[in-house]
Amino acid sequence: MQDHPVITVGIADDQELVRAGFSLVIDSQPDLHVVGMAADGEQAVELVQQQQPDIMLMDVRMPNMDGIAATERISAISETTRVIMLTTFDLDEYVMAAISAGASGFLLKDTEPETLLASIRTVYQGNAIIAPTATKRLIEHMNQGTMNPDVARTALEQTQPASQHQQSPITQSTQSSMSSSTPYYTDPELELLTDREREVLVEIAHGLSNQEIADQLYIGLPTVKTHVAHILQKIHARDRVQAVVFAYENHLV
């Protein structure tokens, strides 16, 4: 007897062999089921409109409409489908752009099958995941002020990574502001957080789980879950990944 609902999954990738491989792995699980596959971003959006899968595995580079643009469309039309971005190369620019587009996860295609399956279940439960290497590099770029979502769009349009030696005006101005005495700009939502909620947000940004936050701040687990829910609501974050981005953009860590 099935104790849990079956998690429906859509797959978008321009390589048929990749789609077939992911499908075999996913359908081997009793609690997971592939409901459709797409060869480009436009088909991915149509799949979501027709099937409303719980999870959409989305390749970054695809013809007609890339995965990041498709994710933006899906985020706008569906409140239930969550997107996990998949790519063959760990490009910093894509991580930030994927999060900004509304993705709840970012994994490399060479991820172990067990990790992929666990990630699907994790995202379905309302959490978020990013490949460990991507998380580390994302945080480093945020600390250095060198990450700009627009760079990713430019890189994607040119089908190659943006040059490390070229910076957009936005990136340059960001770095200049960091070295000046001008106070950092902060989002108005930051003022809505209580002192305790800020403490919890900082620990989220450090990568701690709810239980670890409870232990760190000497509060109960239910209290942490309540704080996390309030934080996401107040800063208009879809999940913990976007909360991490918010914390770094507002220099809480």
C-alpha atoms as a PDB file:
ATOM      1  CA  MET A   1       0.000   0.000   0.000  1.00  0.00           C
ATOM      2  CA  GLN A   2       1.298   3.461  -0.951  1.00  0.00           C
ATOM      3  CA  ASP A   3       1.853   5.496   2.221  1.00  0.00           C
ATOM      4  CA  HIS A   4       2.715   8.724   0.422  1.00  0.00           C
ATOM      5  CA  PRO A   5       1.365  10.424  -2.702  1.00  0.00           C
ATOM      6  CA  VAL A   6       3.238   9.798  -5.930  1.00  0.00           C
ATOM      7  CA  ILE A   7       5.437  12.759  -6.873  1.00  0.00           C
ATOM      8  CA  THR A   8       4.935  13.672 -10.535  1.00  0.00           C
ATOM      9  CA  VAL A   9       7.997  14.792 -12.500  1.00  0.00           C
ATOM     10  CA  GLY A  10       8.560  16.477 -15.857  1.00  0.00           C
ATOM     11  CA  ILE A  11      11.906  16.405 -17.691  1.00  0.00           C
ATOM     12  CA  ALA A  12      13.186  19.098 -20.057  1.00  0.00           C
ATOM     13  CA  ASP A  13      16.440  18.485 -21.937  1.00  0.00           C
ATOM     14  CA  ASP A  14      17.373  18.813 -25.595  1.00  0.00           C
ATOM     15  CA  GLN A  15      19.212  15.472 -25.568  1.00  0.00           C
ATOM     16  CA  GLU A  16      16.928  12.468 -25.966  1.00  0.00           C
ATOM     17  CA  LEU A  17      19.383  10.105 -24.290  1.00  0.00           C
ATOM     18  CA  VAL A  18      19.546  12.328 -21.194  1.00  0.00           C
ATOM     19  CA  ARG A  19      15.759  12.483 -20.981  1.00  0.00           C
ATOM     20  CA  ALA A  20      15.501   8.710 -21.317  1.00  0.00           C
ATOM     21  CA  GLY A  21      18.163   8.125 -18.674  1.00  0.00           C
ATOM     22  CA  PHE A  22      16.555  10.402 -16.106  1.00  0.00           C
ATOM     23  CA  SER A  23      13.163   8.878 -16.847  1.00  0.00           C
ATOM     24  CA  LEU A  24      14.405   5.339 -16.190  1.00  0.00           C
ATOM     25  CA  VAL A  25      15.978   6.352 -12.877  1.00  0.00           C
ATOM     26  CA  ILE A  26      12.929   8.284 -11.688  1.00  0.00           C
ATOM     27  CA  ASP A  27      10.311   5.737 -12.751  1.00  0.00           C
ATOM     28  CA  SER A  28      12.227   3.017 -10.913  1.00  0.00           C
ATOM     29  CA  GLN A  29      10.953   4.531  -7.665  1.00  0.00           C
ATOM     30  CA  PRO A  30       7.469   3.654  -6.372  1.00  0.00           C
ATOM     31  CA  ASP A  31       6.839   7.206  -5.135  1.00  0.00           C
ATOM     32  CA  LEU A  32       8.010   8.993  -8.308  1.00  0.00           C
ATOM     33  CA  HIS A  33       6.478   9.106 -11.789  1.00  0.00           C
ATOM     34  CA  VAL A  34       7.495  10.927 -14.992  1.00  0.00           C
ATOM     35  CA  VAL A  35       4.402  12.506 -16.565  1.00  0.00           C
ATOM     36  CA  GLY A  36       6.043  14.101 -19.590  1.00  0.00           C
ATOM     37  CA  MET A  37       9.236  15.153 -21.329  1.00  0.00           C
ATOM     38  CA  ALA A  38      10.246  18.229 -23.318  1.00  0.00           C
ATOM     39  CA  ALA A  39      13.049  18.942 -25.780  1.00  0.00           C
ATOM     40  CA  ASP A  40      13.178  22.721 -25.243  1.00  0.00           C
ATOM     41  CA  GLY A  41      11.944  25.475 -22.975  1.00  0.00           C
ATOM     42  CA  GLU A  42       8.757  26.142 -24.902  1.00  0.00           C
ATOM     43  CA  GLN A  43       7.738  22.503 -24.652  1.00  0.00           C
ATOM     44  CA  ALA A  44       8.597  22.563 -20.941  1.00  0.00           C
ATOM     45  CA  VAL A  45       6.176  25.444 -20.346  1.00  0.00           C
ATOM     46  CA  GLU A  46       3.472  23.615 -22.316  1.00  0.00           C
ATOM     47  CA  LEU A  47       4.110  20.455 -20.304  1.00  0.00           C
ATOM     48  CA  VAL A  48       3.588  22.333 -17.056  1.00  0.00           C
ATOM     49  CA  GLN A  49       0.401  23.936 -18.368  1.00  0.00           C
ATOM     50  CA  GLN A  50      -1.014  20.557 -19.363  1.00  0.00           C
ATOM     51  CA  GLN A  51       0.304  18.195 -16.671  1.00  0.00           C
ATOM     52  CA  GLN A  52       1.115  20.435 -13.684  1.00  0.00           C
ATOM     53  CA  PRO A  53       3.948  18.175 -12.470  1.00  0.00           C
ATOM     54  CA  ASP A  54       5.100  18.578  -8.888  1.00  0.00           C
ATOM     55  CA  ILE A  55       8.737  18.812 -10.007  1.00  0.00           C
ATOM     56  CA  MET A  56      10.243  19.951 -13.315  1.00  0.00           C
ATOM     57  CA  LEU A  57      13.836  18.937 -14.083  1.00  0.00           C
ATOM     58  CA  MET A  58      15.112  21.696 -16.345  1.00  0.00           C
ATOM     59  CA  ASP A  59      18.240  21.825 -18.480  1.00  0.00           C
ATOM     60  CA  VAL A  60      19.838  25.277 -18.703  1.00  0.00           C
ATOM     61  CA  ARG A  61      20.890  25.376 -22.350  1.00  0.00           C
ATOM     62  CA  MET A  62      18.118  24.424 -24.773  1.00  0.00           C
ATOM     63  CA  PRO A  63      16.948  25.693 -28.185  1.00  0.00           C
ATOM     64  CA  ASN A  64      13.955  28.012 -28.767  1.00  0.00           C
ATOM     65  CA  MET A  65      13.734  28.942 -25.087  1.00  0.00           C
ATOM     66  CA  ASP A  66      16.494  28.349 -22.543  1.00  0.00           C
ATOM     67  CA  GLY A  67      15.845  26.768 -19.174  1.00  0.00           C
ATOM     68  CA  ILE A  68      16.098  29.995 -17.190  1.00  0.00           C
ATOM     69  CA  ALA A  69      13.504  31.781 -19.350  1.00  0.00           C
ATOM     70  CA  ALA A  70      11.269  28.699 -19.148  1.00  0.00           C
ATOM     71  CA  THR A  71      11.621  28.667 -15.361  1.00  0.00           C
ATOM     72  CA  GLU A  72      10.503  32.288 -15.194  1.00  0.00           C
ATOM     73  CA  ARG A  73       7.429  31.431 -17.251  1.00  0.00           C
ATOM     74  CA  ILE A  74       6.641  28.395 -15.125  1.00  0.00           C
ATOM     75  CA  SER A  75       7.026  30.381 -11.895  1.00  0.00           C
ATOM     76  CA  ALA A  76       4.525  32.889 -13.279  1.00  0.00           C
ATOM     77  CA  ILE A  77       1.888  30.380 -14.388  1.00  0.00           C
ATOM     78  CA  SER A  78       2.125  27.689 -11.721  1.00  0.00           C
ATOM     79  CA  GLU A  79       2.091  27.929  -7.948  1.00  0.00           C
ATOM     80  CA  THR A  80       2.636  24.210  -7.474  1.00  0.00           C
ATOM     81  CA  THR A  81       5.380  23.159  -9.912  1.00  0.00           C
ATOM     82  CA  ARG A  82       8.897  23.516  -8.525  1.00  0.00           C
ATOM     83  CA  VAL A  83      11.897  23.594 -10.830  1.00  0.00           C
ATOM     84  CA  ILE A  84      15.248  21.887 -10.340  1.00  0.00           C
ATOM     85  CA  MET A  85      17.859  23.169 -12.785  1.00  0.00           C
ATOM     86  CA  LEU A  86      20.289  20.646 -14.268  1.00  0.00           C
ATOM     87  CA  THR A  87      23.446  21.475 -16.173  1.00  0.00           C
ATOM     88  CA  THR A  88      26.613  19.742 -17.325  1.00  0.00           C
ATOM     89  CA  PHE A  89      28.884  22.550 -16.165  1.00  0.00           C
ATOM     90  CA  ASP A  90      29.092  24.354 -12.842  1.00  0.00           C
ATOM     91  CA  LEU A  91      28.738  27.945 -14.063  1.00  0.00           C
ATOM     92  CA  ASP A  92      28.403  30.529 -11.306  1.00  0.00           C
ATOM     93  CA  GLU A  93      26.279  32.820 -13.468  1.00  0.00           C
ATOM     94  CA  TYR A  94      23.652  30.163 -14.034  1.00  0.00           C
ATOM     95  CA  VAL A  95      23.171  29.493 -10.334  1.00  0.00           C
ATOM     96  CA  MET A  96      22.176  33.074  -9.538  1.00  0.00           C
ATOM     97  CA  ALA A  97      20.032  33.415 -12.647  1.00  0.00           C
ATOM     98  CA  ALA A  98      18.243  30.137 -11.891  1.00  0.00           C
ATOM     99  CA  ILE A  99      17.434  31.264  -8.348  1.00  0.00           C
ATOM    100  CA  SER A 100      16.272  34.663  -9.576  1.00  0.00           C
ATOM    101  CA  ALA A 101      14.019  32.928 -12.098  1.00  0.00           C
ATOM    102  CA  GLY A 102      12.338  30.976  -9.307  1.00  0.00           C
ATOM    103  CA  ALA A 103      14.167  27.642  -9.327  1.00  0.00           C
ATOM    104  CA  SER A 104      14.118  25.651  -6.100  1.00  0.00           C
ATOM    105  CA  GLY A 105      17.207  23.611  -6.868  1.00  0.00           C
ATOM    106  CA  PHE A 106      20.384  23.488  -8.916  1.00  0.00           C
ATOM    107  CA  LEU A 107      22.231  20.240  -9.620  1.00  0.00           C
ATOM    108  CA  LEU A 108      24.926  19.038 -11.975  1.00  0.00           C
ATOM    109  CA  LYS A 109      23.963  16.318 -14.450  1.00  0.00           C
ATOM    110  CA  ASP A 110      26.706  14.040 -13.138  1.00  0.00           C
ATOM    111  CA  THR A 111      24.998  13.965  -9.741  1.00  0.00           C
ATOM    112  CA  GLU A 112      24.634  10.442  -8.353  1.00  0.00           C
ATOM    113  CA  PRO A 113      21.181   8.922  -9.020  1.00  0.00           C
ATOM    114  CA  GLU A 114      20.527   8.593  -5.293  1.00  0.00           C
ATOM    115  CA  THR A 115      21.254  12.287  -4.812  1.00  0.00           C
ATOM    116  CA  LEU A 116      18.973  13.258  -7.686  1.00  0.00           C
ATOM    117  CA  LEU A 117      16.110  11.184  -6.289  1.00  0.00           C
ATOM    118  CA  ALA A 118      16.615  12.561  -2.789  1.00  0.00           C
ATOM    119  CA  SER A 119      16.711  16.099  -4.185  1.00  0.00           C
ATOM    120  CA  ILE A 120      13.388  15.620  -5.961  1.00  0.00           C
ATOM    121  CA  ARG A 121      11.807  14.489  -2.699  1.00  0.00           C
ATOM    122  CA  THR A 122      13.437  17.326  -0.766  1.00  0.00           C
ATOM    123  CA  VAL A 123      12.161  20.017  -3.141  1.00  0.00           C
ATOM    124  CA  TYR A 124       8.702  18.425  -3.207  1.00  0.00           C
ATOM    125  CA  GLN A 125       8.571  18.792   0.577  1.00  0.00           C
ATOM    126  CA  GLY A 126       9.039  22.550   0.187  1.00  0.00           C
ATOM    127  CA  ASN A 127      12.775  22.766   0.764  1.00  0.00           C
ATOM    128  CA  ALA A 128      15.481  23.757  -1.682  1.00  0.00           C
ATOM    129  CA  ILE A 129      18.784  22.300  -2.799  1.00  0.00           C
ATOM    130  CA  ILE A 130      21.915  23.541  -4.541  1.00  0.00           C
ATOM    131  CA  ALA A 131      24.904  21.448  -5.535  1.00  0.00           C
ATOM    132  CA  PRO A 132      27.553  21.848  -2.779  1.00  0.00           C
ATOM    133  CA  THR A 133      30.165  23.284  -5.148  1.00  0.00           C
ATOM    134  CA  ALA A 134      27.651  25.771  -6.501  1.00  0.00           C
ATOM    135  CA  THR A 135      26.649  26.860  -2.997  1.00  0.00           C
ATOM    136  CA  LYS A 136      30.247  27.540  -2.004  1.00  0.00           C
ATOM    137  CA  ARG A 137      30.996  29.521  -5.160  1.00  0.00           C
ATOM    138  CA  LEU A 138      27.711  31.422  -4.966  1.00  0.00           C
ATOM    139  CA  ILE A 139      28.477  32.568  -1.442  1.00  0.00           C
ATOM    140  CA  GLU A 140      32.011  33.566  -2.446  1.00  0.00           C
ATOM    141  CA  HIS A 141      30.708  35.714  -5.285  1.00  0.00           C
ATOM    142  CA  MET A 142      28.116  37.348  -3.054  1.00  0.00           C
ATOM    143  CA  ASN A 143      30.788  38.206  -0.524  1.00  0.00           C
ATOM    144  CA  GLN A 144      32.942  39.706  -3.286  1.00  0.00           C
ATOM    145  CA  GLY A 145      30.044  41.571  -4.883  1.00  0.00           C
ATOM    146  CA  THR A 146      30.799  40.029  -8.272  1.00  0.00           C
ATOM    147  CA  MET A 147      27.536  38.200  -8.938  1.00  0.00           C
ATOM    148  CA  ASN A 148      24.949  39.766 -11.204  1.00  0.00           C
ATOM    149  CA  PRO A 149      21.986  37.872 -12.689  1.00  0.00           C
ATOM    150  CA  ASP A 150      22.211  39.937 -15.886  1.00  0.00           C
ATOM    151  CA  VAL A 151      25.626  38.417 -16.555  1.00  0.00           C
ATOM    152  CA  ALA A 152      24.001  35.010 -16.755  1.00  0.00           C
ATOM    153  CA  ARG A 153      21.493  36.155 -19.319  1.00  0.00           C
ATOM    154  CA  THR A 154      24.228  37.576 -21.499  1.00  0.00           C
ATOM    155  CA  ALA A 155      26.256  34.404 -21.153  1.00  0.00           C
ATOM    156  CA  LEU A 156      23.272  32.259 -22.054  1.00  0.00           C
ATOM    157  CA  GLU A 157      22.444  34.316 -25.126  1.00  0.00           C
ATOM    158  CA  GLN A 158      26.028  33.983 -26.341  1.00  0.00           C
ATOM    159  CA  THR A 159      26.023  30.216 -25.495  1.00  0.00           C
ATOM    160  CA  GLN A 160      29.260  30.601 -23.583  1.00  0.00           C
ATOM    161  CA  PRO A 161      30.330  31.798 -20.127  1.00  0.00           C
ATOM    162  CA  ALA A 162      30.803  35.497 -19.653  1.00  0.00           C
ATOM    163  CA  SER A 163      34.457  36.500 -19.698  1.00  0.00           C
ATOM    164  CA  GLN A 164      36.071  36.709 -16.313  1.00  0.00           C
ATOM    165  CA  HIS A 165      37.837  39.832 -17.495  1.00  0.00           C
ATOM    166  CA  GLN A 166      34.692  41.719 -18.511  1.00  0.00           C
ATOM    167  CA  GLN A 167      32.229  43.213 -16.074  1.00  0.00           C
ATOM    168  CA  SER A 168      28.873  44.793 -16.714  1.00  0.00           C
ATOM    169  CA  PRO A 169      28.312  48.382 -15.492  1.00  0.00           C
ATOM    170  CA  ILE A 170      26.019  47.009 -12.782  1.00  0.00           C
ATOM    171  CA  THR A 171      28.746  44.703 -11.482  1.00  0.00           C
ATOM    172  CA  GLN A 172      31.323  47.477 -11.554  1.00  0.00           C
ATOM    173  CA  SER A 173      29.063  49.866  -9.662  1.00  0.00           C
ATOM    174  CA  THR A 174      28.326  47.171  -7.107  1.00  0.00           C
ATOM    175  CA  GLN A 175      32.013  46.628  -6.467  1.00  0.00           C
ATOM    176  CA  SER A 176      32.621  50.361  -6.244  1.00  0.00           C
ATOM    177  CA  SER A 177      29.880  50.768  -3.681  1.00  0.00           C
ATOM    178  CA  MET A 178      31.381  48.022  -1.568  1.00  0.00           C
ATOM    179  CA  SER A 179      34.695  49.830  -1.380  1.00  0.00           C
ATOM    180  CA  SER A 180      33.183  53.235  -0.642  1.00  0.00           C
ATOM    181  CA  SER A 181      31.860  54.631   2.600  1.00  0.00           C
ATOM    182  CA  THR A 182      28.296  54.811   1.223  1.00  0.00           C
ATOM    183  CA  PRO A 183      25.929  52.672   3.326  1.00  0.00           C
ATOM    184  CA  TYR A 184      24.713  49.482   1.702  1.00  0.00           C
ATOM    185  CA  TYR A 185      21.242  49.484   0.206  1.00  0.00           C
ATOM    186  CA  THR A 186      18.928  47.085   2.006  1.00  0.00           C
ATOM    187  CA  ASP A 187      15.529  45.775   1.023  1.00  0.00           C
ATOM    188  CA  PRO A 188      12.574  47.335   2.880  1.00  0.00           C
ATOM    189  CA  GLU A 189      11.448  43.826   3.831  1.00  0.00           C
ATOM    190  CA  LEU A 190      14.483  43.565   6.095  1.00  0.00           C
ATOM    191  CA  GLU A 191      12.886  46.059   8.488  1.00  0.00           C
ATOM    192  CA  LEU A 192       9.888  43.748   8.859  1.00  0.00           C
ATOM    193  CA  LEU A 193      11.964  41.053  10.513  1.00  0.00           C
ATOM    194  CA  THR A 194      12.224  40.837  14.277  1.00  0.00           C
ATOM    195  CA  ASP A 195      15.637  40.508  15.909  1.00  0.00           C
ATOM    196  CA  ARG A 196      15.080  36.779  16.426  1.00  0.00           C
ATOM    197  CA  GLU A 197      13.982  36.317  12.826  1.00  0.00           C
ATOM    198  CA  ARG A 198      17.159  38.019  11.664  1.00  0.00           C
ATOM    199  CA  GLU A 199      19.176  35.635  13.818  1.00  0.00           C
ATOM    200  CA  VAL A 200      17.385  32.675  12.269  1.00  0.00           C
ATOM    201  CA  LEU A 201      17.894  34.077   8.762  1.00  0.00           C
ATOM    202  CA  VAL A 202      21.626  34.407   9.401  1.00  0.00           C
ATOM    203  CA  GLU A 203      21.817  30.764  10.434  1.00  0.00           C
ATOM    204  CA  ILE A 204      19.834  29.747   7.341  1.00  0.00           C
ATOM    205  CA  ALA A 205      22.391  31.630   5.256  1.00  0.00           C
ATOM    206  CA  HIS A 206      25.143  29.680   7.015  1.00  0.00           C
ATOM    207  CA  GLY A 207      23.508  26.502   5.758  1.00  0.00           C
ATOM    208  CA  LEU A 208      22.134  25.215   9.062  1.00  0.00           C
ATOM    209  CA  SER A 209      19.092  22.934   9.161  1.00  0.00           C
ATOM    210  CA  ASN A 210      16.086  23.736  11.361  1.00  0.00           C
ATOM    211  CA  GLN A 211      17.312  21.364  14.053  1.00  0.00           C
ATOM    212  CA  GLU A 212      20.812  22.871  13.960  1.00  0.00           C
ATOM    213  CA  ILE A 213      19.328  26.358  14.250  1.00  0.00           C
ATOM    214  CA  ALA A 214      17.291  25.234  17.244  1.00  0.00           C
ATOM    215  CA  ASP A 215      20.421  23.876  18.909  1.00  0.00           C
ATOM    216  CA  GLN A 216      22.458  26.959  18.022  1.00  0.00           C
ATOM    217  CA  LEU A 217      19.906  29.467  19.351  1.00  0.00           C
ATOM    218  CA  TYR A 218      18.618  27.288  22.223  1.00  0.00           C
ATOM    219  CA  ILE A 219      15.020  27.362  21.051  1.00  0.00           C
ATOM    220  CA  GLY A 220      12.543  24.635  20.173  1.00  0.00           C
ATOM    221  CA  LEU A 221      12.276  23.097  16.711  1.00  0.00           C
ATOM    222  CA  PRO A 222       8.606  24.141  16.285  1.00  0.00           C
ATOM    223  CA  THR A 223       9.627  27.713  17.119  1.00  0.00           C
ATOM    224  CA  VAL A 224      12.330  27.620  14.432  1.00  0.00           C
ATOM    225  CA  LYS A 225       9.840  26.346  11.864  1.00  0.00           C
ATOM    226  CA  THR A 226       7.488  29.180  12.759  1.00  0.00           C
ATOM    227  CA  HIS A 227      10.272  31.748  12.412  1.00  0.00           C
ATOM    228  CA  VAL A 228      11.313  30.311   9.032  1.00  0.00           C
ATOM    229  CA  ALA A 229       7.745  30.473   7.755  1.00  0.00           C
ATOM    230  CA  HIS A 230       7.404  34.099   8.897  1.00  0.00           C
ATOM    231  CA  ILE A 231      10.758  35.021   7.329  1.00  0.00           C
ATOM    232  CA  LEU A 232       9.862  33.553   3.933  1.00  0.00           C
ATOM    233  CA  GLN A 233       6.523  35.316   4.011  1.00  0.00           C
ATOM    234  CA  LYS A 234       7.935  38.703   4.998  1.00  0.00           C
ATOM    235  CA  ILE A 235      10.787  38.760   2.463  1.00  0.00           C
ATOM    236  CA  HIS A 236       8.623  37.191  -0.255  1.00  0.00           C
ATOM    237  CA  ALA A 237      11.000  34.249  -0.677  1.00  0.00           C
ATOM    238  CA  ARG A 238       9.714  31.056  -2.229  1.00  0.00           C
ATOM    239  CA  ASP A 239      12.149  28.847  -0.319  1.00  0.00           C
ATOM    240  CA  ARG A 240      15.336  28.749   1.733  1.00  0.00           C
ATOM    241  CA  VAL A 241      17.604  29.251  -1.276  1.00  0.00           C
ATOM    242  CA  GLN A 242      16.034  32.613  -2.025  1.00  0.00           C
ATOM    243  CA  ALA A 243      16.266  33.427   1.676  1.00  0.00           C
ATOM    244  CA  VAL A 244      20.016  32.783   1.522  1.00  0.00           C
ATOM    245  CA  VAL A 245      20.332  35.136  -1.450  1.00  0.00           C
ATOM    246  CA  PHE A 246      18.320  37.775   0.428  1.00  0.00           C
ATOM    247  CA  ALA A 247      20.573  37.480   3.475  1.00  0.00           C
ATOM    248  CA  TYR A 248      23.752  37.949   1.442  1.00  0.00           C
ATOM    249  CA  GLU A 249      22.351  40.744  -0.689  1.00  0.00           C
ATOM    250  CA  ASN A 250      21.436  42.600   2.488  1.00  0.00           C
ATOM    251  CA  HIS A 251      24.841  41.899   4.077  1.00  0.00           C
ATOM    252  CA  LEU A 252      23.510  39.996   7.076  1.00  0.00           C
ATOM    253  CA  VAL A 253      26.404  37.582   6.620  1.00  0.00           C
END
